[in-house]
Amino acid sequence: MSATGAMRLSDELEHWLRSDADKTLGGLIDLFGERSFAILFLFLLGPSALPLPTGGVTQVLDRV
């Protein structure tokens, strides 16, 4: 815990993943409440911002 007594996000996620709680988006929303918007934003939109190959989709669309 930090000096303020609040758990870090990573600690809360680790505790949730090790618990018997539902591992769904609803479970995340229940756990984080009002903070869930920012967390879901990172989980759902963050991967699309990574510079990873798209499996050839760009080459197909480039030739159209």
N, C-alpha and C. Protein backbone atom coordinates (compact mmCIF):
# COMPACT_ATOMS: atom_id res chain seq x y z
N MET A 1 0.84 -1.18 0.00
CA MET A 1 0.00 0.00 0.00
C MET A 1 0.88 1.24 0.00
N SER A 2 0.37 2.30 -0.58
CA SER A 2 1.10 3.56 -0.61
C SER A 2 0.92 4.30 0.71
N ALA A 3 1.55 5.46 0.80
CA ALA A 3 1.47 6.26 2.03
C ALA A 3 0.04 6.70 2.34
N THR A 4 -0.81 6.83 1.32
CA THR A 4 -2.19 7.26 1.53
C THR A 4 -3.10 6.11 1.93
N GLY A 5 -2.60 4.89 1.86
CA GLY A 5 -3.40 3.73 2.24
C GLY A 5 -4.15 3.10 1.08
N ALA A 6 -4.10 3.69 -0.10
CA ALA A 6 -4.79 3.15 -1.26
C ALA A 6 -3.87 2.15 -1.99
N MET A 7 -4.48 1.10 -2.51
CA MET A 7 -3.70 0.12 -3.25
C MET A 7 -3.40 0.66 -4.64
N ARG A 8 -2.27 0.25 -5.18
CA ARG A 8 -1.93 0.61 -6.57
C ARG A 8 -2.82 -0.19 -7.51
N LEU A 9 -3.01 0.34 -8.71
CA LEU A 9 -3.84 -0.31 -9.72
C LEU A 9 -3.33 -1.72 -10.01
N SER A 10 -2.02 -1.86 -10.17
CA SER A 10 -1.45 -3.17 -10.48
C SER A 10 -1.72 -4.17 -9.35
N ASP A 11 -1.67 -3.71 -8.10
CA ASP A 11 -1.96 -4.59 -6.97
C ASP A 11 -3.42 -5.01 -6.96
N GLU A 12 -4.31 -4.07 -7.26
CA GLU A 12 -5.74 -4.38 -7.31
C GLU A 12 -6.04 -5.38 -8.43
N LEU A 13 -5.41 -5.18 -9.60
CA LEU A 13 -5.62 -6.10 -10.72
C LEU A 13 -5.11 -7.50 -10.38
N GLU A 14 -3.93 -7.56 -9.78
CA GLU A 14 -3.37 -8.85 -9.41
C GLU A 14 -4.27 -9.56 -8.40
N HIS A 15 -4.77 -8.84 -7.42
CA HIS A 15 -5.67 -9.43 -6.43
C HIS A 15 -6.94 -9.93 -7.10
N TRP A 16 -7.49 -9.15 -8.04
CA TRP A 16 -8.71 -9.54 -8.75
C TRP A 16 -8.47 -10.79 -9.59
N LEU A 17 -7.32 -10.85 -10.27
CA LEU A 17 -7.02 -12.00 -11.12
C LEU A 17 -6.83 -13.28 -10.31
N ARG A 18 -6.32 -13.15 -9.09
CA ARG A 18 -6.09 -14.32 -8.24
C ARG A 18 -7.35 -14.72 -7.46
N SER A 19 -8.34 -13.85 -7.42
CA SER A 19 -9.55 -14.14 -6.65
C SER A 19 -10.51 -15.01 -7.46
N ASP A 20 -11.63 -15.36 -6.84
CA ASP A 20 -12.66 -16.15 -7.51
C ASP A 20 -13.71 -15.28 -8.21
N ALA A 21 -13.48 -13.96 -8.24
CA ALA A 21 -14.44 -13.04 -8.87
C ALA A 21 -14.52 -13.29 -10.38
N ASP A 22 -15.64 -12.87 -10.98
CA ASP A 22 -15.82 -13.01 -12.43
C ASP A 22 -14.72 -12.27 -13.17
N LYS A 23 -14.11 -12.93 -14.14
CA LYS A 23 -13.07 -12.31 -14.96
C LYS A 23 -13.71 -11.80 -16.25
N THR A 24 -14.60 -10.83 -16.09
CA THR A 24 -15.32 -10.24 -17.21
C THR A 24 -15.18 -8.72 -17.14
N LEU A 25 -15.64 -8.04 -18.19
CA LEU A 25 -15.66 -6.58 -18.14
C LEU A 25 -16.56 -6.10 -17.01
N GLY A 26 -17.64 -6.79 -16.79
CA GLY A 26 -18.53 -6.44 -15.68
C GLY A 26 -17.83 -6.58 -14.34
N GLY A 27 -16.99 -7.61 -14.20
CA GLY A 27 -16.24 -7.78 -12.98
C GLY A 27 -15.25 -6.65 -12.75
N LEU A 28 -14.62 -6.18 -13.83
CA LEU A 28 -13.72 -5.02 -13.72
C LEU A 28 -14.48 -3.77 -13.32
N ILE A 29 -15.64 -3.57 -13.91
CA ILE A 29 -16.45 -2.39 -13.59
C ILE A 29 -16.89 -2.44 -12.13
N ASP A 30 -17.28 -3.63 -11.66
CA ASP A 30 -17.67 -3.77 -10.26
C ASP A 30 -16.50 -3.47 -9.33
N LEU A 31 -15.31 -3.90 -9.70
CA LEU A 31 -14.14 -3.72 -8.85
C LEU A 31 -13.70 -2.26 -8.78
N PHE A 32 -13.65 -1.58 -9.92
CA PHE A 32 -13.08 -0.24 -9.96
C PHE A 32 -14.11 0.88 -9.93
N GLY A 33 -15.37 0.58 -10.10
CA GLY A 33 -16.41 1.60 -9.99
C GLY A 33 -16.21 2.76 -10.95
N GLU A 34 -16.12 3.97 -10.42
CA GLU A 34 -15.99 5.17 -11.25
C GLU A 34 -14.67 5.20 -12.02
N ARG A 35 -13.66 4.54 -11.50
CA ARG A 35 -12.36 4.51 -12.19
C ARG A 35 -12.33 3.54 -13.35
N SER A 36 -13.37 2.74 -13.52
CA SER A 36 -13.36 1.70 -14.54
C SER A 36 -13.32 2.25 -15.96
N PHE A 37 -13.82 3.46 -16.19
CA PHE A 37 -13.80 4.01 -17.55
C PHE A 37 -12.37 4.11 -18.08
N ALA A 38 -11.48 4.68 -17.30
CA ALA A 38 -10.10 4.85 -17.74
C ALA A 38 -9.40 3.51 -17.92
N ILE A 39 -9.69 2.58 -17.04
CA ILE A 39 -9.05 1.26 -17.12
C ILE A 39 -9.55 0.50 -18.35
N LEU A 40 -10.84 0.52 -18.59
CA LEU A 40 -11.38 -0.14 -19.78
C LEU A 40 -10.89 0.53 -21.05
N PHE A 41 -10.76 1.84 -21.02
CA PHE A 41 -10.22 2.57 -22.17
C PHE A 41 -8.83 2.06 -22.51
N LEU A 42 -7.99 1.88 -21.51
CA LEU A 42 -6.63 1.37 -21.74
C LEU A 42 -6.63 -0.06 -22.25
N PHE A 43 -7.46 -0.92 -21.64
CA PHE A 43 -7.48 -2.32 -22.03
C PHE A 43 -8.05 -2.54 -23.42
N LEU A 44 -9.10 -1.80 -23.77
CA LEU A 44 -9.77 -2.05 -25.04
C LEU A 44 -9.19 -1.25 -26.21
N LEU A 45 -8.72 -0.03 -25.96
CA LEU A 45 -8.21 0.78 -27.05
C LEU A 45 -6.69 0.83 -27.11
N GLY A 46 -6.04 0.53 -26.02
CA GLY A 46 -4.57 0.58 -25.98
C GLY A 46 -3.89 -0.35 -26.98
N PRO A 47 -4.32 -1.61 -27.08
CA PRO A 47 -3.64 -2.51 -28.01
C PRO A 47 -3.67 -2.06 -29.47
N SER A 48 -4.70 -1.37 -29.87
CA SER A 48 -4.77 -0.91 -31.27
C SER A 48 -3.75 0.19 -31.56
N ALA A 49 -3.22 0.83 -30.52
CA ALA A 49 -2.23 1.88 -30.70
C ALA A 49 -0.81 1.34 -30.76
N LEU A 50 -0.64 0.06 -30.49
CA LEU A 50 0.70 -0.53 -30.52
C LEU A 50 1.16 -0.73 -31.97
N PRO A 51 2.42 -0.52 -32.24
CA PRO A 51 2.93 -0.68 -33.60
C PRO A 51 3.20 -2.14 -33.93
N LEU A 52 2.16 -2.95 -33.97
CA LEU A 52 2.29 -4.36 -34.27
C LEU A 52 1.82 -4.64 -35.69
N PRO A 53 2.39 -5.66 -36.32
CA PRO A 53 1.93 -6.02 -37.67
C PRO A 53 0.48 -6.49 -37.65
N THR A 54 -0.25 -6.20 -38.69
CA THR A 54 -1.67 -6.54 -38.75
C THR A 54 -1.93 -7.81 -39.56
N GLY A 55 -0.92 -8.56 -39.84
CA GLY A 55 -1.12 -9.83 -40.54
C GLY A 55 -1.41 -9.67 -42.02
N GLY A 56 -0.92 -8.64 -42.65
CA GLY A 56 -1.08 -8.49 -44.09
C GLY A 56 -2.29 -7.69 -44.52
N VAL A 57 -3.11 -7.24 -43.61
CA VAL A 57 -4.31 -6.46 -43.96
C VAL A 57 -3.92 -5.18 -44.67
N THR A 58 -2.86 -4.53 -44.23
CA THR A 58 -2.47 -3.26 -44.85
C THR A 58 -2.03 -3.46 -46.29
N GLN A 59 -1.39 -4.58 -46.59
CA GLN A 59 -0.97 -4.82 -47.97
C GLN A 59 -2.16 -5.07 -48.88
N VAL A 60 -3.17 -5.75 -48.38
CA VAL A 60 -4.37 -6.00 -49.16
C VAL A 60 -5.12 -4.71 -49.44
N LEU A 61 -5.28 -3.88 -48.41
CA LEU A 61 -6.02 -2.65 -48.58
C LEU A 61 -5.23 -1.62 -49.38
N ASP A 62 -3.92 -1.71 -49.35
CA ASP A 62 -3.09 -0.78 -50.10
C ASP A 62 -3.25 -0.97 -51.61
N ARG A 63 -3.55 -2.16 -52.06
CA ARG A 63 -3.64 -2.46 -53.49
C ARG A 63 -5.03 -2.22 -54.05
N VAL A 64 -5.99 -1.89 -53.22
CA VAL A 64 -7.37 -1.68 -53.68
C VAL A 64 -7.50 -0.34 -54.31
